N, C-alpha and C. Protein backbone atom coordinates (compact mmCIF):
# COMPACT_ATOMS: atom_id res chain seq x y z
N UNK A 1 234.79 -24.80 56.50
CA UNK A 1 233.57 -25.29 56.37
C UNK A 1 232.79 -24.29 55.23
N UNK A 2 233.22 -22.94 55.11
CA UNK A 2 232.71 -22.08 54.10
C UNK A 2 231.17 -21.54 54.54
N UNK A 3 230.75 -20.87 53.72
CA UNK A 3 229.51 -20.15 53.90
C UNK A 3 228.30 -20.89 53.51
N UNK A 4 227.89 -21.82 54.50
CA UNK A 4 226.73 -22.58 54.31
C UNK A 4 225.46 -21.91 54.84
N UNK A 5 224.39 -21.59 53.98
CA UNK A 5 223.33 -21.06 54.62
C UNK A 5 222.40 -22.18 55.24
N UNK A 6 222.10 -21.88 56.39
CA UNK A 6 221.25 -22.66 57.21
C UNK A 6 219.88 -22.27 56.98
N UNK A 7 219.04 -23.27 56.59
CA UNK A 7 217.67 -22.88 56.56
C UNK A 7 216.79 -23.09 57.95
N UNK A 8 215.76 -22.29 57.96
CA UNK A 8 215.24 -22.28 59.34
C UNK A 8 213.80 -23.26 58.91
N UNK A 9 213.53 -24.53 59.65
CA UNK A 9 212.40 -25.07 59.27
C UNK A 9 211.15 -24.53 60.05
N UNK A 10 211.32 -23.64 60.91
CA UNK A 10 210.23 -23.13 61.66
C UNK A 10 209.81 -21.62 60.99
N UNK A 11 210.53 -21.29 60.04
CA UNK A 11 210.18 -19.79 59.44
C UNK A 11 208.73 -19.70 58.97
N UNK A 12 208.20 -20.76 58.32
CA UNK A 12 206.86 -20.59 57.84
C UNK A 12 205.67 -21.34 58.65
N UNK A 13 206.10 -21.69 59.89
CA UNK A 13 205.34 -22.57 60.79
C UNK A 13 204.75 -21.54 61.80
N UNK A 14 203.32 -21.56 61.86
CA UNK A 14 202.80 -20.89 62.96
C UNK A 14 202.95 -21.41 64.38
N UNK A 15 203.13 -20.65 65.31
CA UNK A 15 203.34 -21.13 66.60
C UNK A 15 202.02 -22.02 67.23
N UNK A 16 202.37 -23.05 67.70
CA UNK A 16 201.18 -24.02 68.30
C UNK A 16 201.80 -24.64 69.51
N UNK A 17 200.73 -24.97 70.28
CA UNK A 17 201.00 -25.77 71.58
C UNK A 17 201.22 -27.11 71.44
N UNK A 18 200.86 -27.64 69.99
CA UNK A 18 201.25 -28.99 69.72
C UNK A 18 202.49 -29.17 69.01
N UNK A 19 203.52 -28.22 69.05
CA UNK A 19 204.52 -28.43 68.43
C UNK A 19 205.75 -27.89 69.50
N UNK A 20 207.10 -27.75 69.08
CA UNK A 20 208.03 -27.56 69.82
C UNK A 20 208.03 -25.93 70.26
N UNK A 21 208.38 -25.58 71.45
CA UNK A 21 208.64 -24.32 71.80
C UNK A 21 209.50 -23.52 70.95
N UNK A 22 209.48 -22.21 70.94
CA UNK A 22 210.40 -21.43 70.23
C UNK A 22 211.72 -21.01 70.97
N UNK A 23 211.52 -20.98 72.41
CA UNK A 23 212.80 -20.71 73.28
C UNK A 23 212.53 -21.15 74.57
N UNK A 24 213.67 -21.50 75.31
CA UNK A 24 213.82 -21.49 76.68
C UNK A 24 213.96 -20.29 77.31
N UNK A 25 213.40 -19.59 78.25
CA UNK A 25 213.46 -18.42 78.81
C UNK A 25 213.82 -18.84 80.48
N UNK A 26 215.18 -18.24 80.77
CA UNK A 26 215.45 -18.31 82.30
C UNK A 26 214.40 -17.66 83.00
N UNK A 27 214.21 -18.35 84.24
CA UNK A 27 213.26 -17.87 85.17
C UNK A 27 213.71 -17.57 86.60
N UNK A 28 213.72 -16.30 87.08
CA UNK A 28 213.83 -15.96 88.43
C UNK A 28 212.45 -16.04 89.23
N UNK A 29 212.16 -16.95 89.97
CA UNK A 29 211.09 -16.90 90.79
C UNK A 29 210.69 -15.58 91.27
N UNK A 30 209.44 -15.15 91.42
CA UNK A 30 209.18 -13.86 91.80
C UNK A 30 207.68 -13.82 92.34
N UNK A 31 207.27 -13.46 93.43
CA UNK A 31 205.93 -13.44 94.00
C UNK A 31 205.04 -12.25 93.40
N UNK A 32 205.71 -11.45 92.85
CA UNK A 32 205.08 -10.18 92.44
C UNK A 32 204.97 -10.00 90.73
N UNK A 33 205.58 -10.74 89.94
CA UNK A 33 205.75 -10.31 88.64
C UNK A 33 205.37 -11.71 87.72
N UNK A 34 204.43 -11.42 86.70
CA UNK A 34 204.16 -12.51 85.88
C UNK A 34 205.56 -12.87 84.80
N UNK A 35 205.61 -13.97 84.23
CA UNK A 35 206.65 -14.27 83.30
C UNK A 35 206.56 -13.20 82.22
N UNK A 36 207.44 -12.90 81.41
CA UNK A 36 207.46 -12.05 80.37
C UNK A 36 206.45 -12.70 79.21
N UNK A 37 206.45 -14.04 79.04
CA UNK A 37 205.52 -14.50 78.16
C UNK A 37 204.95 -15.85 78.86
N UNK A 38 203.78 -16.14 78.66
CA UNK A 38 203.02 -17.39 79.30
C UNK A 38 204.06 -18.55 78.98
N UNK A 39 204.24 -19.44 79.83
CA UNK A 39 204.94 -20.68 79.61
C UNK A 39 204.01 -21.64 79.27
N UNK A 40 204.28 -22.51 78.15
CA UNK A 40 203.61 -23.72 77.83
C UNK A 40 203.81 -24.72 78.73
N UNK A 41 205.22 -24.82 79.32
CA UNK A 41 205.71 -25.75 80.28
C UNK A 41 206.81 -25.08 80.87
N UNK A 42 207.15 -25.79 81.92
CA UNK A 42 208.46 -25.43 82.80
C UNK A 42 209.43 -26.41 82.82
N UNK A 43 210.77 -26.30 82.52
CA UNK A 43 211.75 -27.11 82.75
C UNK A 43 212.78 -26.85 83.81
N UNK A 44 212.99 -27.73 84.65
CA UNK A 44 213.77 -27.64 85.98
C UNK A 44 215.16 -28.40 85.70
N UNK A 45 216.38 -27.69 86.15
CA UNK A 45 217.50 -28.51 86.03
C UNK A 45 217.76 -29.13 87.35
N UNK A 46 217.58 -28.51 88.57
CA UNK A 46 217.82 -28.96 89.82
C UNK A 46 216.42 -29.16 90.40
N UNK A 47 216.11 -30.47 90.80
CA UNK A 47 214.92 -30.67 91.35
C UNK A 47 214.59 -30.21 92.53
N UNK A 48 213.29 -30.12 92.95
CA UNK A 48 212.72 -29.56 94.12
C UNK A 48 211.14 -29.08 93.80
N UNK A 49 210.79 -28.43 94.75
CA UNK A 49 209.46 -27.76 94.57
C UNK A 49 209.26 -26.61 93.68
N UNK A 50 208.28 -26.64 92.74
CA UNK A 50 208.11 -25.53 91.87
C UNK A 50 206.47 -25.01 92.23
N UNK A 51 206.63 -23.74 92.68
CA UNK A 51 205.14 -23.05 93.05
C UNK A 51 204.96 -22.25 91.82
N UNK A 52 203.71 -22.14 91.19
CA UNK A 52 203.45 -21.30 90.20
C UNK A 52 202.05 -20.96 89.97
N UNK A 53 201.76 -20.07 89.26
CA UNK A 53 200.26 -19.67 89.01
C UNK A 53 200.03 -20.21 87.63
N UNK A 54 198.94 -21.08 87.64
CA UNK A 54 198.46 -21.74 86.21
C UNK A 54 197.87 -20.70 85.51
N UNK A 55 197.73 -20.87 84.04
CA UNK A 55 196.93 -20.14 83.16
C UNK A 55 195.60 -20.02 83.83
N UNK A 56 194.99 -20.90 84.51
CA UNK A 56 193.81 -20.75 84.84
C UNK A 56 193.71 -19.73 86.27
N UNK A 57 194.88 -19.42 86.60
CA UNK A 57 194.90 -18.41 87.83
C UNK A 57 195.16 -19.23 89.24
N UNK A 58 195.14 -20.44 89.25
CA UNK A 58 195.24 -21.17 90.55
C UNK A 58 196.95 -21.39 90.86
N UNK A 59 197.10 -21.09 92.06
CA UNK A 59 198.30 -21.45 92.67
C UNK A 59 198.46 -22.94 92.97
N UNK A 60 199.56 -23.42 92.38
CA UNK A 60 200.01 -24.80 92.38
C UNK A 60 201.34 -25.07 92.95
N UNK A 61 201.71 -26.26 93.55
CA UNK A 61 203.12 -26.52 93.99
C UNK A 61 203.23 -28.00 93.60
N UNK A 62 204.13 -28.28 92.78
CA UNK A 62 204.55 -29.76 92.35
C UNK A 62 206.12 -29.84 92.88
N UNK A 63 206.32 -31.17 93.01
CA UNK A 63 207.73 -31.52 93.24
C UNK A 63 208.28 -32.22 91.90
N UNK A 64 209.42 -31.82 91.53
CA UNK A 64 209.88 -32.25 90.06
C UNK A 64 211.36 -32.89 90.61
N UNK A 65 211.79 -33.80 89.69
CA UNK A 65 213.26 -34.32 90.01
C UNK A 65 214.14 -33.51 88.99
N UNK A 66 215.55 -33.69 89.28
CA UNK A 66 216.47 -33.16 88.42
C UNK A 66 216.01 -33.48 87.01
N UNK A 67 216.31 -32.20 86.24
CA UNK A 67 215.95 -32.38 84.72
C UNK A 67 214.48 -32.84 84.61
N UNK A 68 213.59 -32.31 85.36
CA UNK A 68 212.13 -32.54 85.32
C UNK A 68 211.38 -31.58 84.71
N UNK A 69 210.13 -31.77 84.49
CA UNK A 69 209.16 -30.94 83.77
C UNK A 69 208.01 -30.67 84.38
N UNK A 70 207.32 -29.42 84.49
CA UNK A 70 206.05 -29.18 84.78
C UNK A 70 205.15 -29.07 83.54
N UNK A 71 204.36 -30.07 83.29
CA UNK A 71 203.57 -29.83 82.01
C UNK A 71 202.33 -29.24 82.19
N UNK A 72 202.43 -27.74 82.26
CA UNK A 72 201.19 -27.04 82.48
C UNK A 72 201.51 -25.51 82.21
N UNK A 73 200.49 -24.97 81.51
CA UNK A 73 200.74 -23.58 81.41
C UNK A 73 200.92 -22.63 82.55
N UNK A 74 201.77 -21.76 82.56
CA UNK A 74 201.98 -20.90 83.68
C UNK A 74 202.34 -19.45 83.52
N UNK A 75 201.66 -18.66 84.31
CA UNK A 75 201.59 -17.22 84.25
C UNK A 75 202.75 -16.74 85.00
N UNK A 76 203.25 -17.51 86.14
CA UNK A 76 204.15 -16.99 87.16
C UNK A 76 204.80 -18.02 87.77
N UNK A 77 206.11 -17.89 87.98
CA UNK A 77 206.71 -18.89 89.05
C UNK A 77 207.00 -18.27 90.32
N UNK A 78 206.46 -18.66 91.48
CA UNK A 78 206.58 -18.00 92.82
C UNK A 78 207.64 -18.22 93.29
N UNK A 79 208.48 -17.35 94.14
CA UNK A 79 209.58 -17.41 94.93
C UNK A 79 209.17 -18.23 96.37
N UNK A 80 208.03 -17.84 96.68
CA UNK A 80 207.52 -18.60 97.99
C UNK A 80 207.35 -19.92 97.65
N UNK A 81 207.96 -21.01 98.33
CA UNK A 81 207.62 -22.21 98.10
C UNK A 81 208.35 -22.95 96.92
N UNK A 82 209.06 -22.35 96.15
CA UNK A 82 210.01 -22.71 95.09
C UNK A 82 211.47 -23.17 95.66
N UNK A 83 211.69 -24.34 95.63
CA UNK A 83 213.11 -24.86 95.93
C UNK A 83 213.98 -25.46 94.83
N UNK A 84 213.30 -25.56 93.68
CA UNK A 84 213.90 -26.14 92.64
C UNK A 84 214.87 -24.86 91.94
N UNK A 85 215.89 -25.21 91.09
CA UNK A 85 216.90 -24.26 90.55
C UNK A 85 216.97 -24.80 89.06
N UNK A 86 217.55 -23.61 88.33
CA UNK A 86 217.86 -23.84 86.83
C UNK A 86 216.59 -23.89 86.28
N UNK A 87 215.48 -23.11 86.59
CA UNK A 87 214.32 -23.11 85.98
C UNK A 87 214.07 -22.32 84.66
N UNK A 88 213.42 -22.86 83.66
CA UNK A 88 213.23 -22.10 82.50
C UNK A 88 211.90 -22.48 82.04
N UNK A 89 211.30 -21.33 81.30
CA UNK A 89 209.87 -21.30 80.82
C UNK A 89 210.08 -21.63 79.34
N UNK A 90 209.24 -22.66 78.89
CA UNK A 90 209.21 -22.96 77.53
C UNK A 90 208.03 -22.14 76.88
N UNK A 91 208.45 -21.05 75.94
CA UNK A 91 207.51 -20.54 75.31
C UNK A 91 207.28 -20.73 73.83
N UNK A 92 206.16 -20.58 73.36
CA UNK A 92 205.61 -20.89 72.04
C UNK A 92 205.38 -19.64 71.24
N UNK A 93 205.42 -18.28 71.73
CA UNK A 93 205.27 -17.08 71.11
C UNK A 93 206.05 -16.06 71.55
C-alpha cells in the first residue's frame, strides 16, 4: 500500500459538545476519585446500573442495556451501585 499520508479532519476543529468525542476512556468505577477528564457521555458494553456524579454534582443511578449510553455529563462513575461493565467515558477535551 506504500506510504500514504492520512489527513486528520479534526486537526483544525475546536472541541465541542455538539461534535464527536475525541476519545473513549476506559473507566474503573471509584467512589473516591473523579474521572481524569469530564465525560460528555458514558458508553456501556455490558448492561446494568451506572451510578455517577453529574456535572451538576448530583448522584444519579440509571439502568442501561448492553451497548447502551448515559447521555449526561459526568464527573465520576461510582463503584457503589454500578453493576454495568465495559464502561467508557466519551471525552471532548
